[in-house]
Amino acid sequence: MNLNLFNHFIVKTVTILKISPILNIQTREVKIMLAILGFLMIIIFMILIMTKRLSAMIALMVIPVIFALIGGFGSKMGPMALEGIKSVAPTGIMILFAILFFGIMIDAGVFDPIISTILKVVKGDPVKIAIGTAILALLISLDGDGTTTYMITISAMLPLYKRIGMRPLVLAGIAVSASGVMNLLPWGGPTARAMTALHLEMSDIFTPVIPSMIGGVLFVLFMAFCLGRKERKRVGILKIDYSTMAEIAVTSEGASLKRPKLIIVNYALTILLLVALIKEVLPTTVLFMIGFAIAITMNYPKLSDQKERIAHYADNALSVVSMVFAAGIFTGILSGTKMVDAMANTMITHIPDAFGSHFALITAIISAPFTFFMSNDAFYYGVLPLLAKAASGYGIDPAMIGRASLLGLPVHLLSPLVPSTYLLVGMVGADFGDLQRSFLKWACGSTVVMIVVALLLSIIPL
């Protein structure tokens, strides 16, 4: 129903009957209609994505436009969408240059010495191999791209696992668990989505969550230790020629792209950038732009090489950044039409007051199943704004809800909706169902540890 016509009908009815209390009914009914439209928009959005009827990018643009027209907001739809796009522009640019920066670092061979060192240290002990796998995956995950993490980690470690006799499923499980924790990085996707949806900065959401992230990293190392002990009991400790294994391990690209003479400088640049990001020396977007400019000029001074490297990552960067800008339309219309306000009010009226003060904890707990059964786009662009708006009714800062929404991410990567996980199981020759059955409990453990740390350190309120 067109809301303008509905509103006009209510006003005429009040005028004819001259019953002033109906004015309150008018306002309430309009809010109910807005809430219904909002919920329907999100439900249809999620269904279309989960059933793969539309891609997430197309759904983010088309669905809100359709519902804005249904609600009678056609004349205001353009400014709403444009405002949403403006709000996400810094995040989109940050992700673009983060992908390019870490891509250059991988191409230049920054992680190659780490791989070789790990292979030398672990030798034939399954416990050391498992822990080494976790460390490698955690380090590679700094680029925020699960696909890159899996390709490098599996390529480096799978020959060793096969030589020792360790189960490749263990390798896959450790890699996905490490990536699940490191997925909280702002350029990894979910955190950027949360910042975009709530219009917050990295200092509001990500920086306070770093201690929880450290807790998750320690839990992944503990998990690797436990799995390594099981494998040690099964296969024992073998002596191998680790130098040969290091040669077998394949990294990201051919030798022509490596820059071994610049390895120390590249390490220094990467560490300096990460420190500057955490300390917020400059805006995140500016830091990544400067870091990328220095990295590509230093490692590939020829213009032809620079064009080739940028083109190599253009596909991945374009798909991610275009998704962010498409999300700007979704969040802009959702907010501009006041649908999100109406939905939040509806949710608040159905939440017992006794649970209102625990909204952040509730968000942290439900983020695990929500991100498992739906895509990150559906959760962060569709559900998170509702949770934040509802929590604000109980005096809880939206930043707290944004932080809480990230704590269930270790579970997310075991979802059948994550394409990179299919690449992972394919590389190790494992079954997707076996990976879920074996490591879902460990993923839940990571989430519990991160939530506990967040509560103990008051990162989120109890």
Protein backbone atom coordinates (compact mmCIF):
# COMPACT_ATOMS: atom_id res chain seq x y z
CA MET A 1 0.00 0.00 0.00
CA ASN A 2 1.27 3.51 -0.83
CA LEU A 3 2.02 5.16 2.52
CA ASN A 4 1.09 8.64 1.29
CA LEU A 5 -2.37 7.44 0.28
CA PHE A 6 -2.67 5.54 3.55
CA ASN A 7 -1.69 8.62 5.52
CA HIS A 8 -4.14 10.81 3.57
CA PHE A 9 -6.94 8.33 4.27
CA ILE A 10 -6.27 8.42 8.02
CA VAL A 11 -6.19 12.24 8.12
CA LYS A 12 -9.50 12.49 6.22
CA THR A 13 -11.10 9.98 8.57
CA VAL A 14 -9.97 11.95 11.63
CA THR A 15 -11.26 15.20 10.11
CA ILE A 16 -14.70 13.77 9.30
CA LEU A 17 -15.19 11.95 12.60
CA LYS A 18 -13.48 14.71 14.64
CA ILE A 19 -11.99 12.17 16.99
CA SER A 20 -8.59 13.45 18.14
CA PRO A 21 -7.34 10.19 19.73
CA ILE A 22 -7.24 8.68 16.26
CA LEU A 23 -4.28 10.99 15.53
CA ASN A 24 -2.18 8.71 17.71
CA ILE A 25 -3.51 5.72 15.82
CA GLN A 26 -2.50 7.39 12.58
CA THR A 27 1.12 7.73 13.69
CA ARG A 28 1.18 4.22 15.10
CA GLU A 29 -0.33 2.70 11.96
CA VAL A 30 2.13 4.49 9.68
CA LYS A 31 5.03 3.18 11.78
CA ILE A 32 3.60 -0.31 11.61
CA MET A 33 3.35 -0.07 7.84
CA LEU A 34 6.95 1.17 7.65
CA ALA A 35 8.08 -1.69 9.89
CA ILE A 36 6.24 -4.23 7.74
CA LEU A 37 7.83 -2.83 4.59
CA GLY A 38 11.26 -2.89 6.23
CA PHE A 39 10.98 -6.45 7.47
CA LEU A 40 9.65 -7.62 4.11
CA MET A 41 12.52 -5.87 2.34
CA ILE A 42 15.12 -7.61 4.49
CA ILE A 43 13.42 -11.00 4.33
CA ILE A 44 13.13 -10.88 0.54
CA PHE A 45 16.70 -9.61 0.32
CA MET A 46 17.98 -12.54 2.39
CA ILE A 47 15.88 -15.11 0.53
CA LEU A 48 17.06 -13.92 -2.86
CA ILE A 49 20.70 -14.05 -1.76
CA MET A 50 20.51 -17.38 0.06
CA THR A 51 18.65 -19.06 -2.81
CA LYS A 52 21.07 -17.45 -5.29
CA ARG A 53 18.23 -15.91 -7.28
CA LEU A 54 20.16 -12.64 -7.31
CA SER A 55 23.76 -11.77 -6.52
CA ALA A 56 24.29 -9.81 -3.32
CA MET A 57 25.39 -6.72 -5.23
CA ILE A 58 22.30 -6.63 -7.46
CA ALA A 59 19.96 -7.37 -4.55
CA LEU A 60 21.50 -4.56 -2.49
CA MET A 61 20.64 -2.07 -5.22
CA VAL A 62 17.35 -3.35 -6.62
CA ILE A 63 15.40 -4.50 -3.54
CA PRO A 64 15.52 -1.21 -1.57
CA VAL A 65 14.56 0.75 -4.69
CA ILE A 66 11.49 -1.43 -5.21
CA PHE A 67 10.36 -1.09 -1.60
CA ALA A 68 11.03 2.65 -1.58
CA LEU A 69 8.66 2.97 -4.55
CA ILE A 70 6.06 0.80 -2.82
CA GLY A 71 6.27 3.01 0.25
CA GLY A 72 5.71 6.17 -1.78
CA PHE A 73 9.27 7.52 -1.42
CA GLY A 74 10.01 7.72 -5.13
CA SER A 75 10.74 11.46 -5.16
CA LYS A 76 13.11 11.21 -2.17
CA MET A 77 14.76 7.93 -3.14
CA GLY A 78 17.64 9.50 -5.09
CA PRO A 79 18.97 11.75 -2.32
CA MET A 80 18.60 8.90 0.19
CA ALA A 81 20.62 6.52 -1.95
CA LEU A 82 23.25 9.16 -2.69
CA GLU A 83 23.63 9.94 0.99
CA GLY A 84 24.16 6.26 1.71
CA ILE A 85 26.79 5.99 -1.04
CA LYS A 86 28.65 9.01 0.35
CA SER A 87 28.70 7.46 3.80
CA VAL A 88 30.38 4.26 2.62
CA ALA A 89 32.87 5.86 0.23
CA PRO A 90 35.80 5.95 2.72
CA THR A 91 35.28 2.28 3.58
CA GLY A 92 35.20 1.26 -0.07
CA ILE A 93 38.40 3.13 -0.83
CA MET A 94 40.11 1.62 2.22
CA ILE A 95 39.25 -1.93 1.13
CA LEU A 96 40.45 -1.25 -2.41
CA PHE A 97 43.91 -0.10 -1.39
CA ALA A 98 44.21 -2.71 1.39
CA ILE A 99 43.71 -5.47 -1.19
CA LEU A 100 46.29 -3.89 -3.47
CA PHE A 101 48.84 -3.33 -0.69
CA PHE A 102 48.76 -6.85 0.71
CA GLY A 103 48.66 -8.27 -2.80
CA ILE A 104 51.92 -6.49 -3.59
CA MET A 105 53.48 -7.76 -0.36
CA ILE A 106 52.55 -11.35 -1.20
CA ASP A 107 53.81 -11.03 -4.76
CA ALA A 108 57.11 -9.61 -3.52
CA GLY A 109 57.65 -12.70 -1.36
CA VAL A 110 57.21 -11.16 2.08
CA PHE A 111 55.76 -14.39 3.47
CA ASP A 112 58.21 -16.80 1.78
CA PRO A 113 60.86 -16.67 4.55
CA ILE A 114 58.14 -17.29 7.13
CA ILE A 115 57.04 -20.40 5.24
CA SER A 116 60.60 -21.71 4.94
CA THR A 117 61.32 -21.04 8.62
CA ILE A 118 58.17 -22.83 9.73
CA LEU A 119 59.00 -25.87 7.62
CA LYS A 120 62.50 -26.01 9.11
CA VAL A 121 61.31 -25.65 12.70
CA VAL A 122 58.41 -28.12 12.65
CA LYS A 123 60.41 -30.96 11.02
CA GLY A 124 58.56 -34.24 11.52
CA ASP A 125 56.64 -33.55 14.75
CA PRO A 126 52.85 -33.39 14.12
CA VAL A 127 52.39 -31.05 17.11
CA LYS A 128 54.90 -28.56 15.73
CA ILE A 129 53.46 -28.97 12.24
CA ALA A 130 49.94 -28.19 13.46
CA ILE A 131 51.06 -25.14 15.44
CA GLY A 132 53.22 -24.01 12.52
CA THR A 133 50.20 -24.31 10.25
CA ALA A 134 48.19 -22.11 12.60
CA ILE A 135 50.93 -19.48 12.79
CA LEU A 136 51.33 -19.44 9.02
CA ALA A 137 47.58 -19.15 8.42
CA LEU A 138 47.28 -16.37 11.00
CA LEU A 139 50.06 -14.39 9.36
CA ILE A 140 48.81 -14.89 5.82
CA SER A 141 45.33 -13.87 6.98
CA LEU A 142 46.64 -10.35 7.56
CA ASP A 143 45.59 -9.59 4.00
CA GLY A 144 41.97 -10.23 4.98
CA ASP A 145 41.37 -12.53 2.02
CA GLY A 146 40.41 -16.10 2.90
CA THR A 147 41.12 -17.33 -0.62
CA THR A 148 44.72 -16.10 -0.49
CA THR A 149 45.17 -17.57 2.99
CA TYR A 150 44.01 -20.99 1.90
CA MET A 151 46.02 -21.02 -1.32
CA ILE A 152 49.31 -20.13 0.36
CA THR A 153 48.82 -22.18 3.53
CA ILE A 154 47.62 -25.34 1.79
CA SER A 155 50.24 -25.10 -0.96
CA ALA A 156 53.00 -24.74 1.63
CA MET A 157 51.87 -27.36 4.14
CA LEU A 158 49.94 -30.04 2.25
CA PRO A 159 53.07 -31.82 0.90
CA LEU A 160 54.40 -32.00 4.46
CA TYR A 161 51.10 -33.37 5.81
CA LYS A 162 51.06 -36.07 3.15
CA ARG A 163 54.70 -36.96 3.77
CA ILE A 164 54.13 -37.30 7.52
CA GLY A 165 50.79 -39.09 7.14
CA MET A 166 48.73 -36.43 8.92
CA ARG A 167 45.12 -36.02 7.87
CA PRO A 168 44.61 -33.19 5.36
CA LEU A 169 41.31 -32.43 7.11
CA VAL A 170 43.33 -31.21 10.11
CA LEU A 171 45.19 -28.81 7.83
CA ALA A 172 41.92 -27.49 6.43
CA GLY A 173 40.37 -27.11 9.88
CA ILE A 174 43.31 -25.18 11.30
CA ALA A 175 43.40 -22.89 8.26
CA VAL A 176 39.68 -22.08 8.40
CA SER A 177 39.81 -21.55 12.18
CA ALA A 178 42.72 -19.12 11.89
CA SER A 179 41.04 -17.27 9.05
CA GLY A 180 37.81 -17.08 11.07
CA VAL A 181 39.50 -15.11 13.84
CA MET A 182 41.58 -12.90 11.55
CA ASN A 183 38.43 -12.20 9.52
CA LEU A 184 37.76 -9.44 12.07
CA LEU A 185 40.39 -7.23 10.44
CA PRO A 186 38.75 -4.07 9.03
CA TRP A 187 39.81 -4.91 5.48
CA GLY A 188 38.62 -8.51 5.82
CA GLY A 189 34.99 -7.72 5.04
CA PRO A 190 32.67 -8.18 8.04
CA THR A 191 34.15 -5.34 10.08
CA ALA A 192 34.00 -3.06 7.07
CA ARG A 193 30.37 -4.05 6.59
CA ALA A 194 29.61 -3.31 10.24
CA MET A 195 31.30 0.10 9.99
CA THR A 196 29.39 0.79 6.79
CA ALA A 197 26.02 -0.27 8.14
CA LEU A 198 26.38 1.68 11.40
CA HIS A 199 28.34 4.63 9.92
CA LEU A 200 31.14 4.23 12.46
CA GLU A 201 34.92 4.40 12.32
CA MET A 202 37.54 1.71 12.90
CA SER A 203 38.31 3.21 16.33
CA ASP A 204 34.67 2.68 17.33
CA ILE A 205 34.38 -0.98 16.36
CA PHE A 206 37.63 -2.75 15.54
CA THR A 207 40.32 -1.24 17.80
CA PRO A 208 38.51 -2.07 21.08
CA VAL A 209 37.95 -5.66 19.88
CA ILE A 210 41.69 -6.37 19.41
CA PRO A 211 42.03 -8.02 22.89
CA SER A 212 39.16 -10.39 22.02
CA MET A 213 40.85 -11.11 18.73
CA ILE A 214 44.07 -11.97 20.59
CA GLY A 215 42.06 -14.34 22.78
CA GLY A 216 40.73 -16.00 19.64
CA VAL A 217 44.26 -16.33 18.22
CA LEU A 218 45.45 -18.02 21.42
CA PHE A 219 42.51 -20.41 21.27
CA VAL A 220 43.37 -21.33 17.67
CA LEU A 221 46.95 -22.11 18.76
CA PHE A 222 45.56 -24.22 21.61
CA MET A 223 43.30 -26.04 19.18
CA ALA A 224 46.26 -26.70 16.87
CA PHE A 225 48.22 -28.10 19.81
CA CYS A 226 45.39 -30.48 20.76
CA LEU A 227 44.93 -31.66 17.17
CA GLY A 228 48.68 -32.07 16.76
CA ARG A 229 48.84 -34.30 19.84
CA LYS A 230 46.13 -36.52 18.43
CA GLU A 231 48.01 -36.82 15.16
CA ARG A 232 51.27 -37.51 16.98
CA LYS A 233 49.64 -40.45 18.77
CA ARG A 234 48.37 -41.73 15.46
CA VAL A 235 51.42 -41.36 13.20
CA GLY A 236 54.32 -40.70 15.57
CA ILE A 237 57.31 -38.44 14.83
CA LEU A 238 59.15 -38.90 11.53
CA LYS A 239 62.46 -37.54 10.24
CA ILE A 240 62.22 -35.79 6.89
CA ASP A 241 64.34 -33.62 4.61
CA TYR A 242 62.73 -30.28 5.38
CA SER A 243 64.83 -28.42 2.82
CA THR A 244 63.23 -30.51 0.08
CA MET A 245 59.80 -29.82 1.50
CA ALA A 246 60.53 -26.09 1.45
CA GLU A 247 61.34 -26.33 -2.24
CA ILE A 248 58.14 -28.24 -2.93
CA ALA A 249 56.02 -25.64 -1.13
CA VAL A 250 54.52 -23.23 -3.62
CA THR A 251 53.81 -19.63 -2.77
CA SER A 252 51.75 -17.03 -4.58
CA GLU A 253 53.48 -16.33 -7.89
CA GLY A 254 56.55 -17.03 -10.04
CA ALA A 255 60.10 -16.21 -9.07
CA SER A 256 60.16 -13.18 -11.36
CA LEU A 257 57.86 -11.29 -8.99
CA LYS A 258 59.90 -11.95 -5.86
CA ARG A 259 61.98 -9.17 -4.35
CA PRO A 260 64.33 -10.93 -1.86
CA LYS A 261 66.66 -7.91 -1.65
CA LEU A 262 63.78 -5.79 -0.38
CA ILE A 263 62.45 -8.28 2.15
CA ILE A 264 63.59 -6.30 5.22
CA VAL A 265 62.25 -3.05 3.82
CA ASN A 266 58.92 -4.72 2.99
CA TYR A 267 58.68 -6.14 6.51
CA ALA A 268 59.38 -2.71 7.97
CA LEU A 269 56.79 -1.09 5.73
CA THR A 270 54.13 -3.66 6.65
CA ILE A 271 54.78 -3.38 10.39
CA LEU A 272 54.87 0.42 10.21
CA LEU A 273 51.55 0.47 8.39
CA LEU A 274 49.89 -1.86 10.91
CA VAL A 275 51.15 0.24 13.84
CA ALA A 276 49.95 3.43 12.15
CA LEU A 277 46.53 1.84 11.57
CA ILE A 278 46.13 0.84 15.20
CA LYS A 279 47.34 4.22 16.50
CA GLU A 280 45.29 6.09 13.90
CA VAL A 281 48.16 8.32 12.84
CA LEU A 282 46.13 9.19 9.73
CA PRO A 283 42.71 8.11 8.47
CA THR A 284 42.71 4.43 7.52
CA THR A 285 41.96 5.17 3.88
CA VAL A 286 44.89 7.58 3.57
CA LEU A 287 47.30 5.16 5.27
CA PHE A 288 46.50 2.34 2.87
CA MET A 289 46.74 4.64 -0.14
CA ILE A 290 50.17 5.87 0.94
CA GLY A 291 51.31 2.36 1.87
CA PHE A 292 50.26 0.96 -1.50
CA ALA A 293 51.94 3.80 -3.39
CA ILE A 294 55.22 3.19 -1.57
CA ALA A 295 55.00 -0.61 -1.87
CA ILE A 296 54.31 -0.81 -5.59
CA THR A 297 56.81 1.91 -6.50
CA MET A 298 59.53 0.33 -4.40
CA ASN A 299 58.99 -3.27 -5.54
CA TYR A 300 57.92 -2.70 -9.15
CA PRO A 301 59.35 0.62 -10.38
CA LYS A 302 58.54 -0.09 -14.04
CA LEU A 303 55.16 1.29 -15.10
CA SER A 304 54.40 -1.84 -17.12
CA ASP A 305 54.93 -4.03 -14.03
CA GLN A 306 52.76 -1.73 -11.94
CA LYS A 307 49.92 -1.91 -14.44
CA GLU A 308 50.22 -5.70 -14.54
CA ARG A 309 50.08 -6.03 -10.74
CA ILE A 310 47.09 -3.70 -10.44
CA ALA A 311 45.28 -5.53 -13.23
CA HIS A 312 46.01 -8.85 -11.49
CA TYR A 313 44.02 -7.77 -8.40
CA ALA A 314 41.45 -5.69 -10.23
CA ASP A 315 38.86 -8.46 -10.38
CA ASN A 316 38.90 -9.18 -6.66
CA ALA A 317 39.08 -5.50 -5.70
CA LEU A 318 36.24 -4.51 -8.03
CA SER A 319 33.88 -7.20 -6.73
CA VAL A 320 34.44 -6.22 -3.09
CA VAL A 321 34.34 -2.45 -3.54
CA SER A 322 31.28 -2.52 -5.79
CA MET A 323 29.52 -4.50 -3.05
CA VAL A 324 30.30 -1.78 -0.53
CA PHE A 325 28.89 0.98 -2.72
CA ALA A 326 25.81 -1.11 -3.50
CA ALA A 327 25.34 -1.49 0.25
CA GLY A 328 25.34 2.30 0.49
CA ILE A 329 22.10 2.36 -1.49
CA PHE A 330 20.57 -0.27 0.78
CA THR A 331 21.52 1.44 4.05
CA GLY A 332 20.73 4.90 2.69
CA ILE A 333 17.17 3.99 1.73
CA LEU A 334 16.62 1.89 4.84
CA SER A 335 17.60 4.84 7.02
CA GLY A 336 16.15 7.64 4.91
CA THR A 337 12.68 6.13 4.76
CA LYS A 338 12.74 5.64 8.55
CA MET A 339 12.03 1.95 8.02
CA VAL A 340 14.90 1.07 10.33
CA ASP A 341 13.42 3.28 13.06
CA ALA A 342 10.01 1.68 12.72
CA MET A 343 11.47 -1.85 12.77
CA ALA A 344 13.59 -1.06 15.82
CA ASN A 345 10.59 0.31 17.67
CA THR A 346 8.65 -2.84 16.83
CA MET A 347 11.47 -5.03 18.11
CA ILE A 348 11.81 -3.01 21.31
CA THR A 349 8.14 -3.42 22.15
CA HIS A 350 8.53 -7.22 21.97
CA ILE A 351 11.71 -7.50 24.05
CA PRO A 352 11.21 -7.96 27.79
CA ASP A 353 12.72 -5.10 29.75
CA ALA A 354 14.72 -7.62 31.77
CA PHE A 355 16.75 -8.50 28.65
CA GLY A 356 17.19 -4.97 27.35
CA SER A 357 20.37 -4.21 29.29
CA HIS A 358 21.97 -7.42 27.94
CA PHE A 359 21.38 -6.54 24.30
CA ALA A 360 25.08 -6.48 23.42
CA LEU A 361 25.64 -9.95 24.86
CA ILE A 362 22.54 -11.22 23.07
CA THR A 363 23.88 -9.77 19.81
CA ALA A 364 27.26 -11.46 20.34
CA ILE A 365 25.62 -14.85 20.91
CA ILE A 366 23.16 -14.72 18.01
CA SER A 367 25.80 -13.40 15.59
CA ALA A 368 27.23 -16.93 15.30
CA PRO A 369 24.07 -18.69 14.04
CA PHE A 370 22.94 -15.62 12.08
CA THR A 371 26.20 -15.39 10.10
CA PHE A 372 26.18 -19.17 9.64
CA PHE A 373 22.70 -19.36 8.13
CA MET A 374 22.89 -16.15 6.14
CA SER A 375 25.54 -14.26 4.24
CA ASN A 376 27.58 -11.48 5.81
CA ASP A 377 25.80 -9.04 3.53
CA ALA A 378 22.39 -10.12 4.77
CA PHE A 379 23.41 -9.96 8.43
CA TYR A 380 25.48 -6.79 8.53
CA TYR A 381 23.44 -4.77 6.06
CA GLY A 382 20.05 -6.15 6.98
CA VAL A 383 19.96 -7.30 10.60
CA LEU A 384 22.73 -5.35 12.36
CA PRO A 385 21.16 -1.89 11.86
CA LEU A 386 17.97 -3.23 13.46
CA LEU A 387 19.86 -4.60 16.44
CA ALA A 388 21.77 -1.35 16.90
CA LYS A 389 18.63 0.74 16.68
CA ALA A 390 16.78 -1.50 19.12
CA ALA A 391 19.69 -1.44 21.56
CA SER A 392 19.82 2.35 21.47
CA GLY A 393 16.37 2.28 23.05
CA TYR A 394 18.01 0.76 26.13
CA GLY A 395 20.83 3.29 26.13
CA ILE A 396 23.41 1.00 24.52
CA ASP A 397 25.86 2.64 22.11
CA PRO A 398 25.60 1.29 18.53
CA ALA A 399 29.39 0.83 18.60
CA MET A 400 28.93 -1.80 21.33
CA ILE A 401 26.47 -3.68 19.14
CA GLY A 402 28.86 -3.41 16.20
CA ARG A 403 31.65 -4.94 18.29
CA ALA A 404 29.39 -7.70 19.57
CA SER A 405 28.29 -8.59 16.03
CA LEU A 406 31.87 -9.48 15.10
CA LEU A 407 32.41 -12.07 17.81
CA GLY A 408 30.53 -14.87 16.02
CA LEU A 409 32.66 -14.71 12.87
CA PRO A 410 34.74 -17.88 13.55
CA VAL A 411 31.52 -19.84 12.99
CA HIS A 412 30.69 -17.98 9.79
CA LEU A 413 33.48 -19.44 7.67
CA LEU A 414 32.09 -22.95 8.12
CA SER A 415 28.83 -21.83 6.55
CA PRO A 416 27.89 -23.38 3.20
CA LEU A 417 27.34 -19.82 1.97
CA VAL A 418 31.10 -19.03 1.97
CA PRO A 419 32.68 -19.74 -1.45
CA SER A 420 36.30 -19.71 -0.23
CA THR A 421 35.63 -22.66 2.08
CA TYR A 422 34.75 -24.79 -0.93
CA LEU A 423 38.14 -23.89 -2.37
CA LEU A 424 39.74 -25.00 0.90
CA VAL A 425 38.15 -28.45 1.03
CA GLY A 426 38.80 -28.91 -2.66
CA MET A 427 42.53 -28.24 -2.25
CA VAL A 428 42.91 -30.80 0.55
CA GLY A 429 40.49 -33.30 -0.99
CA ALA A 430 38.17 -33.32 2.03
CA ASP A 431 34.38 -33.36 2.33
CA PHE A 432 32.64 -30.15 3.33
CA GLY A 433 30.37 -31.99 5.75
CA ASP A 434 33.36 -33.62 7.45
CA LEU A 435 34.97 -30.22 7.92
CA GLN A 436 31.81 -28.88 9.55
CA ARG A 437 31.34 -31.86 11.82
CA SER A 438 34.95 -31.85 12.97
CA PHE A 439 35.54 -28.13 13.45
CA LEU A 440 32.21 -26.46 14.16
CA LYS A 441 32.71 -27.13 17.88
CA TRP A 442 36.15 -25.51 17.73
CA ALA A 443 34.69 -22.50 15.93
CA CYS A 444 32.09 -22.15 18.66
CA GLY A 445 34.92 -22.37 21.19
CA SER A 446 36.70 -19.45 19.52
CA THR A 447 33.50 -17.42 19.67
CA VAL A 448 32.96 -18.21 23.37
CA VAL A 449 36.53 -17.20 24.22
CA MET A 450 36.22 -13.94 22.32
CA ILE A 451 32.90 -13.12 24.02
CA VAL A 452 34.31 -13.89 27.48
CA VAL A 453 37.33 -11.65 26.86
CA ALA A 454 35.04 -8.90 25.60
CA LEU A 455 32.90 -9.11 28.72
CA LEU A 456 35.85 -9.28 31.14
CA LEU A 457 37.52 -6.24 29.58
CA SER A 458 34.22 -4.33 29.18
CA ILE A 459 34.61 -4.25 25.40
CA ILE A 460 30.90 -4.96 25.36
CA PRO A 461 28.58 -4.47 28.35
CA LEU A 462 27.15 -7.46 30.16
